[in-house]
Amino acid sequence: MCPYVPYVPYVFYSFVFNSTFHFMISKKLTDEELVQAYMDKLEHPLKAVIEALRTIIKNANSNISERIKWNAPSYYYREDIVTFGPPARKLDEVLLVFHHPSVVKIDSGILQGNYKDRRLAVFKSMVEVEASREELIRILDGIILEIEGGI
């Protein structure tokens, strides 16, 4: 069974004419609203894991913002930091792709891969998410310090 991966289209301004030929411009959805629409439509066996990771990432640092990138929730502060891997990739795990180049300077047991510009983190359960909470926050704070020129 392949999970349903929602397509959340970018919102366009639309003009709505009422019966007296006045028009209104519909409100463009915010990045947060687009992510919420994506999550509302997402069907994945580890959706609770995805939601828990989203909460950790968003609460790790008040500077972090959320949007849709590569058809998945993504997080940034001035520059891109981390994006969820495609939900249809595997049904038994959730992938985070840390794609800010400074992540390669961070030593962590949860970061995988020896790529020149990114690292991966894989989660298969809520137990793994909870056990990694503080380490995820440390990684995100390290990247933000690098973005701000503090490392």
Protein backbone atom coordinates (compact mmCIF):
# COMPACT_ATOMS: atom_id res chain seq x y z
CA MET A 1 0.00 0.00 0.00
CA CYS A 2 1.40 3.35 -0.99
CA PRO A 3 0.51 6.25 1.32
CA TYR A 4 -1.40 9.14 -0.10
CA VAL A 5 1.04 12.00 -0.44
CA PRO A 6 -0.97 15.17 -0.75
CA TYR A 7 -0.27 17.76 -3.34
CA VAL A 8 -0.75 21.18 -1.84
CA PRO A 9 -0.88 23.67 -4.68
CA TYR A 10 0.49 27.12 -4.33
CA VAL A 11 -2.36 29.51 -3.77
CA PHE A 12 -3.06 32.07 -6.41
CA TYR A 13 -4.96 35.26 -6.00
CA SER A 14 -8.40 34.81 -7.37
CA PHE A 15 -11.09 37.29 -8.15
CA VAL A 16 -14.61 36.50 -7.07
CA PHE A 17 -17.44 38.52 -8.56
CA ASN A 18 -20.61 38.78 -6.53
CA SER A 19 -24.09 39.42 -7.87
CA THR A 20 -23.57 43.18 -8.04
CA PHE A 21 -20.32 42.80 -10.03
CA HIS A 22 -18.07 43.84 -7.19
CA PHE A 23 -15.07 41.69 -6.73
CA MET A 24 -13.00 40.53 -3.82
CA ILE A 25 -9.49 39.16 -3.79
CA SER A 26 -9.26 35.89 -1.94
CA LYS A 27 -6.63 35.63 0.78
CA LYS A 28 -3.37 33.89 -0.09
CA LEU A 29 -2.59 31.04 2.30
CA THR A 30 0.43 31.50 4.54
CA ASP A 31 3.30 29.03 4.56
CA GLU A 32 2.01 27.65 7.86
CA GLU A 33 -1.48 27.19 6.42
CA LEU A 34 -0.04 25.36 3.41
CA VAL A 35 1.88 23.01 5.70
CA GLN A 36 -1.21 22.41 7.80
CA ALA A 37 -3.23 21.63 4.67
CA TYR A 38 -0.51 19.20 3.61
CA MET A 39 -0.55 17.49 7.01
CA ASP A 40 -4.35 17.35 7.08
CA LYS A 41 -4.31 15.39 3.81
CA LEU A 42 -1.27 13.22 4.58
CA GLU A 43 -1.94 9.51 5.01
CA HIS A 44 1.11 7.74 6.43
CA PRO A 45 1.45 5.03 9.09
CA LEU A 46 3.98 7.20 10.97
CA LYS A 47 2.03 10.45 10.76
CA ALA A 48 2.26 10.82 14.56
CA VAL A 49 6.07 10.61 14.28
CA ILE A 50 6.03 13.31 11.59
CA GLU A 51 3.83 15.54 13.77
CA ALA A 52 6.09 15.02 16.80
CA LEU A 53 9.19 15.91 14.77
CA ARG A 54 7.44 19.01 13.39
CA THR A 55 6.65 20.13 16.93
CA ILE A 56 10.23 19.61 18.11
CA ILE A 57 11.67 21.48 15.13
CA LYS A 58 9.24 24.40 15.36
CA ASN A 59 9.73 24.75 19.12
CA ALA A 60 13.52 24.32 19.05
CA ASN A 61 14.15 27.94 18.17
CA SER A 62 11.74 30.82 17.71
CA ASN A 63 13.60 31.89 14.55
CA ILE A 64 12.68 28.71 12.66
CA SER A 65 9.89 29.02 10.09
CA GLU A 66 8.00 26.28 8.26
CA ARG A 67 6.95 25.93 4.63
CA ILE A 68 6.47 23.34 1.89
CA LYS A 69 9.60 22.51 -0.13
CA TRP A 70 10.11 19.47 -2.33
CA ASN A 71 6.46 18.58 -1.59
CA ALA A 72 7.15 18.11 2.14
CA PRO A 73 7.38 20.24 5.29
CA SER A 74 10.63 22.19 5.38
CA TYR A 75 12.24 24.50 7.94
CA TYR A 76 14.44 27.54 7.51
CA TYR A 77 15.94 30.57 9.19
CA ARG A 78 17.37 32.92 6.58
CA GLU A 79 18.57 29.75 4.81
CA ASP A 80 17.17 26.24 4.43
CA ILE A 81 17.94 23.95 7.37
CA VAL A 82 16.00 20.68 7.25
CA THR A 83 13.27 19.07 5.14
CA PHE A 84 11.29 15.90 5.56
CA GLY A 85 12.15 13.23 3.03
CA PRO A 86 9.35 12.10 0.72
CA PRO A 87 6.70 10.32 2.83
CA ALA A 88 6.17 7.69 0.13
CA ARG A 89 9.87 6.75 0.25
CA LYS A 90 9.36 4.17 3.01
CA LEU A 91 6.33 3.39 5.11
CA ASP A 92 8.29 2.19 8.14
CA GLU A 93 10.47 5.27 8.72
CA VAL A 94 10.55 9.05 8.58
CA LEU A 95 13.55 10.79 7.04
CA LEU A 96 14.88 14.24 7.89
CA VAL A 97 17.35 15.74 5.44
CA PHE A 98 19.54 18.35 7.11
CA HIS A 99 20.73 20.26 4.06
CA HIS A 100 22.36 23.32 5.52
CA PRO A 101 26.08 22.90 4.74
CA SER A 102 27.12 23.62 8.34
CA VAL A 103 25.53 20.37 9.51
CA VAL A 104 28.67 18.53 8.41
CA LYS A 105 30.54 20.29 11.26
CA ILE A 106 28.16 18.84 13.87
CA ASP A 107 29.06 15.53 15.45
CA SER A 108 25.95 13.58 16.44
CA GLY A 109 24.95 9.97 16.81
CA ILE A 110 21.62 10.58 15.08
CA LEU A 111 23.11 12.13 11.93
CA GLN A 112 23.89 9.63 9.18
CA GLY A 113 25.83 9.80 5.94
CA ASN A 114 29.14 11.26 4.94
CA TYR A 115 27.91 13.65 2.28
CA LYS A 116 29.82 16.87 1.63
CA ASP A 117 26.82 19.13 2.28
CA ARG A 118 24.10 17.28 4.21
CA ARG A 119 23.27 14.66 6.80
CA LEU A 120 20.24 12.42 7.31
CA ALA A 121 18.31 11.40 10.41
CA VAL A 122 15.92 8.45 10.35
CA PHE A 123 13.12 7.77 12.83
CA LYS A 124 11.04 4.61 13.04
CA SER A 125 9.03 5.21 16.21
CA MET A 126 7.88 7.74 18.78
CA VAL A 127 10.36 6.19 21.21
CA GLU A 128 13.23 7.16 18.87
CA VAL A 129 11.81 10.66 18.46
CA GLU A 130 11.53 11.23 22.21
CA ALA A 131 15.01 9.80 22.82
CA SER A 132 16.42 12.21 20.19
CA ARG A 133 14.51 15.34 21.22
CA GLU A 134 17.39 17.16 22.95
CA GLU A 135 19.90 16.12 20.30
CA LEU A 136 17.65 17.46 17.52
CA ILE A 137 17.37 20.76 19.37
CA ARG A 138 21.18 20.88 19.79
CA ILE A 139 21.68 20.24 16.05
CA LEU A 140 19.16 22.92 15.06
CA ASP A 141 20.69 25.45 17.47
CA GLY A 142 24.16 24.69 16.06
CA ILE A 143 22.98 25.34 12.52
CA ILE A 144 21.27 28.58 13.53
CA LEU A 145 24.42 29.76 15.30
CA GLU A 146 26.36 29.06 12.11
CA ILE A 147 23.81 31.01 10.05
CA GLU A 148 24.17 33.92 12.46
CA GLY A 149 27.96 33.66 12.24
CA GLY A 150 28.42 32.43 15.81
CA ILE A 151 30.43 29.26 15.27
